[in-house]
């Protein structure tokens, strides 16, 4: 059983202005510490075989300028790779509506066998989409990914991630994550009522069990 409260409290969440292709955007930032050496964390983040064990199956041309594709999800282009400290790539999901968003992951050795990870996702988000879901639209999803990485580095797994997301434990995790992103949104200056509405919409998106399941 996963200690959901501990996992939620292990992540620091920030919402900030961002720049993308010279345009004003929004950045969602997640920070957490792993009890694993930086080389191990880096390998888990960049080794295609390991990525498929904690996130999604991936294929592509793994070099600067090469494209990658997550099975049934986003793809993009590898922009930079500085082993074992920094990886940056575009993140493209669906038909392009402007400059592709970007994801950057930075690692820092925090001590013997300990690594700090910072993940930033910067995008130009339509106001209506931001008003509806706020930062939780991507923040909650990335938090689920970082949970998968946490378990992987400990030699564990949730098994079928889709089934787990809709389990009682999974829905409790995503609900708490959504609420935490609402707090981060308020801390960044969002109106409390608007932040609460976005939390409700995000929570429903991640936790509603499809009819017939």
Protein backbone atom coordinates (compact mmCIF):
# COMPACT_ATOMS: atom_id res chain seq x y z
CA UNK A 1 0.00 0.00 0.00
CA UNK A 2 1.28 3.45 -0.93
CA UNK A 3 1.58 6.11 1.77
CA UNK A 4 -0.41 8.66 -0.21
CA UNK A 5 -0.06 11.50 2.31
CA UNK A 6 3.71 11.05 2.38
CA UNK A 7 3.93 11.02 -1.41
CA UNK A 8 1.82 14.17 -1.76
CA UNK A 9 3.87 15.97 0.89
CA UNK A 10 7.12 14.94 -0.84
CA UNK A 11 6.39 17.17 -3.83
CA UNK A 12 6.82 20.94 -3.94
CA UNK A 13 4.51 22.62 -6.46
CA UNK A 14 4.90 26.02 -8.08
CA UNK A 15 3.01 27.94 -10.74
CA UNK A 16 4.83 30.79 -12.47
CA UNK A 17 4.90 32.86 -15.67
CA UNK A 18 6.98 31.32 -18.45
CA UNK A 19 8.32 32.17 -21.89
CA UNK A 20 8.00 29.99 -24.95
CA UNK A 21 9.05 30.94 -28.49
CA UNK A 22 9.19 34.58 -27.36
CA UNK A 23 5.60 34.49 -26.12
CA UNK A 24 4.17 34.69 -22.62
CA UNK A 25 3.24 31.29 -21.23
CA UNK A 26 2.79 29.47 -17.96
CA UNK A 27 5.15 27.15 -16.12
CA UNK A 28 4.20 24.32 -13.80
CA UNK A 29 7.12 23.21 -11.60
CA UNK A 30 7.45 20.06 -9.48
CA UNK A 31 10.37 19.42 -7.13
CA UNK A 32 11.11 16.35 -5.04
CA UNK A 33 14.04 14.41 -3.59
CA UNK A 34 14.77 10.77 -4.39
CA UNK A 35 16.70 8.34 -2.22
CA UNK A 36 18.76 7.23 -5.20
CA UNK A 37 22.09 8.22 -6.75
CA UNK A 38 21.96 10.77 -9.54
CA UNK A 39 23.25 8.29 -12.15
CA UNK A 40 20.47 5.85 -11.28
CA UNK A 41 17.78 8.54 -11.49
CA UNK A 42 19.20 9.77 -14.79
CA UNK A 43 19.22 6.26 -16.23
CA UNK A 44 15.61 5.71 -15.14
CA UNK A 45 14.65 8.95 -16.92
CA UNK A 46 16.53 8.29 -20.17
CA UNK A 47 16.80 4.51 -20.62
CA UNK A 48 13.89 3.54 -22.93
CA UNK A 49 13.50 0.11 -21.35
CA UNK A 50 13.27 1.57 -17.86
CA UNK A 51 10.96 4.42 -18.93
CA UNK A 52 8.46 1.84 -20.11
CA UNK A 53 8.46 0.23 -16.67
CA UNK A 54 7.45 3.33 -14.69
CA UNK A 55 5.78 5.64 -17.24
CA UNK A 56 4.81 4.54 -20.77
CA UNK A 57 6.39 2.55 -23.61
CA UNK A 58 8.52 4.89 -25.72
CA UNK A 59 10.04 4.74 -29.19
CA UNK A 60 12.12 7.14 -31.24
CA UNK A 61 15.50 8.47 -32.30
CA UNK A 62 17.29 9.18 -29.02
CA UNK A 63 19.63 12.01 -29.95
CA UNK A 64 19.59 15.82 -29.98
CA UNK A 65 17.06 16.80 -32.63
CA UNK A 66 15.59 13.30 -32.73
CA UNK A 67 11.92 12.62 -32.16
CA UNK A 68 10.36 10.38 -29.55
CA UNK A 69 6.83 9.10 -29.04
CA UNK A 70 5.11 7.76 -25.93
CA UNK A 71 2.62 5.04 -26.76
CA UNK A 72 -0.89 6.51 -26.81
CA UNK A 73 0.33 9.83 -25.46
CA UNK A 74 2.60 12.76 -26.30
CA UNK A 75 5.68 12.90 -28.48
CA UNK A 76 8.19 15.56 -29.37
CA UNK A 77 11.76 16.50 -30.16
CA UNK A 78 14.80 16.16 -27.90
CA UNK A 79 16.17 19.69 -27.54
CA UNK A 80 19.13 19.21 -25.19
CA UNK A 81 20.71 16.50 -23.06
CA UNK A 82 23.43 17.15 -20.51
CA UNK A 83 24.12 13.90 -18.69
CA UNK A 84 23.34 13.53 -15.83
CA UNK A 85 22.02 16.99 -14.97
CA UNK A 86 19.56 18.24 -17.58
CA UNK A 87 17.15 17.02 -20.24
CA UNK A 88 14.85 19.25 -22.31
CA UNK A 89 12.32 18.24 -24.95
CA UNK A 90 9.22 19.53 -26.66
CA UNK A 91 5.93 17.99 -25.54
CA UNK A 92 3.37 17.67 -28.30
CA UNK A 93 -0.08 16.15 -27.82
CA UNK A 94 -2.70 16.37 -30.55
CA UNK A 95 -2.82 18.83 -33.46
CA UNK A 96 -0.52 21.83 -32.90
CA UNK A 97 -2.32 25.04 -31.87
CA UNK A 98 0.84 27.10 -31.51
CA UNK A 99 4.42 26.56 -30.33
CA UNK A 100 4.82 23.11 -28.76
CA UNK A 101 5.12 23.10 -24.99
CA UNK A 102 8.46 22.15 -23.43
CA UNK A 103 9.46 19.92 -20.56
CA UNK A 104 12.76 20.30 -18.75
CA UNK A 105 14.09 17.97 -16.07
CA UNK A 106 17.06 18.96 -13.91
CA UNK A 107 18.89 16.69 -11.48
CA UNK A 108 21.26 17.68 -8.68
CA UNK A 109 23.18 15.33 -6.40
CA UNK A 110 21.92 16.31 -2.94
CA UNK A 111 24.15 14.02 -0.92
CA UNK A 112 25.40 10.46 -0.92
CA UNK A 113 22.72 8.41 -2.62
CA UNK A 114 20.23 11.30 -2.80
CA UNK A 115 19.06 13.31 -5.81
CA UNK A 116 16.94 16.45 -6.18
CA UNK A 117 14.70 16.50 -9.24
CA UNK A 118 13.02 19.56 -10.74
CA UNK A 119 10.50 19.12 -13.57
CA UNK A 120 9.19 22.18 -15.41
CA UNK A 121 6.47 22.11 -18.06
CA UNK A 122 6.04 25.41 -19.92
CA UNK A 123 3.17 25.99 -22.33
CA UNK A 124 1.04 28.67 -23.91
CA UNK A 125 -2.36 27.76 -22.49
CA UNK A 126 -5.62 29.27 -23.80
CA UNK A 127 -7.29 31.31 -21.07
CA UNK A 128 -10.47 29.24 -21.26
CA UNK A 129 -8.51 26.02 -20.69
CA UNK A 130 -6.57 27.53 -17.80
CA UNK A 131 -9.77 28.86 -16.23
CA UNK A 132 -11.36 25.43 -16.48
CA UNK A 133 -8.51 23.26 -15.14
CA UNK A 134 -5.72 25.50 -13.86
CA UNK A 135 -2.23 24.05 -13.34
CA UNK A 136 -3.60 20.70 -12.27
CA UNK A 137 -4.33 19.77 -15.88
CA UNK A 138 -0.66 18.88 -16.33
CA UNK A 139 0.58 19.08 -12.74
CA UNK A 140 -1.52 16.15 -11.54
CA UNK A 141 -0.46 14.02 -14.49
CA UNK A 142 3.22 14.71 -13.91
CA UNK A 143 2.80 13.99 -10.24
CA UNK A 144 1.44 10.58 -11.12
CA UNK A 145 4.50 10.07 -13.30
CA UNK A 146 6.86 11.03 -10.48
CA UNK A 147 5.06 8.58 -8.20
CA UNK A 148 5.74 5.88 -10.77
CA UNK A 149 9.42 6.89 -10.82
CA UNK A 150 9.53 6.79 -7.02
CA UNK A 151 8.17 3.27 -6.91
CA UNK A 152 10.44 2.14 -9.75
CA UNK A 153 13.55 3.39 -7.95
CA UNK A 154 12.40 1.38 -4.93
CA UNK A 155 11.93 -1.76 -7.04
CA UNK A 156 8.13 -1.49 -6.87
CA UNK A 157 5.23 -0.66 -9.20
CA UNK A 158 1.48 -0.02 -9.18
CA UNK A 159 1.14 -2.67 -11.90
CA UNK A 160 -1.55 -1.69 -14.40
CA UNK A 161 -1.40 2.11 -14.13
CA UNK A 162 -4.81 2.64 -15.78
CA UNK A 163 -6.53 0.25 -13.40
CA UNK A 164 -4.67 1.73 -10.42
CA UNK A 165 -5.73 5.29 -11.33
CA UNK A 166 -9.37 4.24 -11.03
CA UNK A 167 -8.86 2.21 -7.86
CA UNK A 168 -9.80 3.65 -4.48
CA UNK A 169 -6.11 4.23 -3.70
CA UNK A 170 -5.43 5.84 -7.08
CA UNK A 171 -8.43 8.14 -6.91
CA UNK A 172 -7.41 9.22 -3.41
CA UNK A 173 -3.93 10.07 -4.69
CA UNK A 174 -5.14 12.09 -7.66
CA UNK A 175 -7.74 13.89 -5.55
CA UNK A 176 -5.13 15.00 -3.04
CA UNK A 177 -2.78 16.00 -5.84
CA UNK A 178 -5.49 18.11 -7.48
CA UNK A 179 -6.23 19.89 -4.19
CA UNK A 180 -2.51 20.55 -3.69
CA UNK A 181 -2.28 22.11 -7.15
CA UNK A 182 -5.24 24.29 -6.27
CA UNK A 183 -3.27 25.58 -3.29
CA UNK A 184 -0.26 26.25 -5.54
CA UNK A 185 -2.53 28.12 -7.94
CA UNK A 186 -3.84 30.31 -5.12
CA UNK A 187 -0.29 30.93 -3.87
CA UNK A 188 0.55 32.20 -7.38
CA UNK A 189 -2.27 34.75 -7.14
CA UNK A 190 -5.34 32.93 -8.48
CA UNK A 191 -8.77 33.90 -7.18
CA UNK A 192 -9.76 31.31 -4.52
CA UNK A 193 -13.15 30.63 -6.11
CA UNK A 194 -11.60 30.17 -9.56
CA UNK A 195 -8.91 27.90 -8.10
CA UNK A 196 -11.55 25.80 -6.33
CA UNK A 197 -13.55 25.44 -9.55
CA UNK A 198 -10.43 24.30 -11.41
CA UNK A 199 -9.70 21.77 -8.66
CA UNK A 200 -13.19 20.30 -9.00
CA UNK A 201 -12.86 19.98 -12.77
CA UNK A 202 -9.35 18.49 -12.58
CA UNK A 203 -10.35 16.03 -9.88
CA UNK A 204 -13.32 14.85 -11.93
CA UNK A 205 -11.11 14.43 -15.01
CA UNK A 206 -8.61 12.20 -13.22
CA UNK A 207 -10.94 10.23 -10.93
CA UNK A 208 -14.25 9.69 -12.71
CA UNK A 209 -14.80 6.02 -13.48
CA UNK A 210 -15.99 5.59 -17.09
CA UNK A 211 -19.45 4.08 -17.54
CA UNK A 212 -19.29 0.35 -18.05
CA UNK A 213 -15.96 -0.04 -16.21
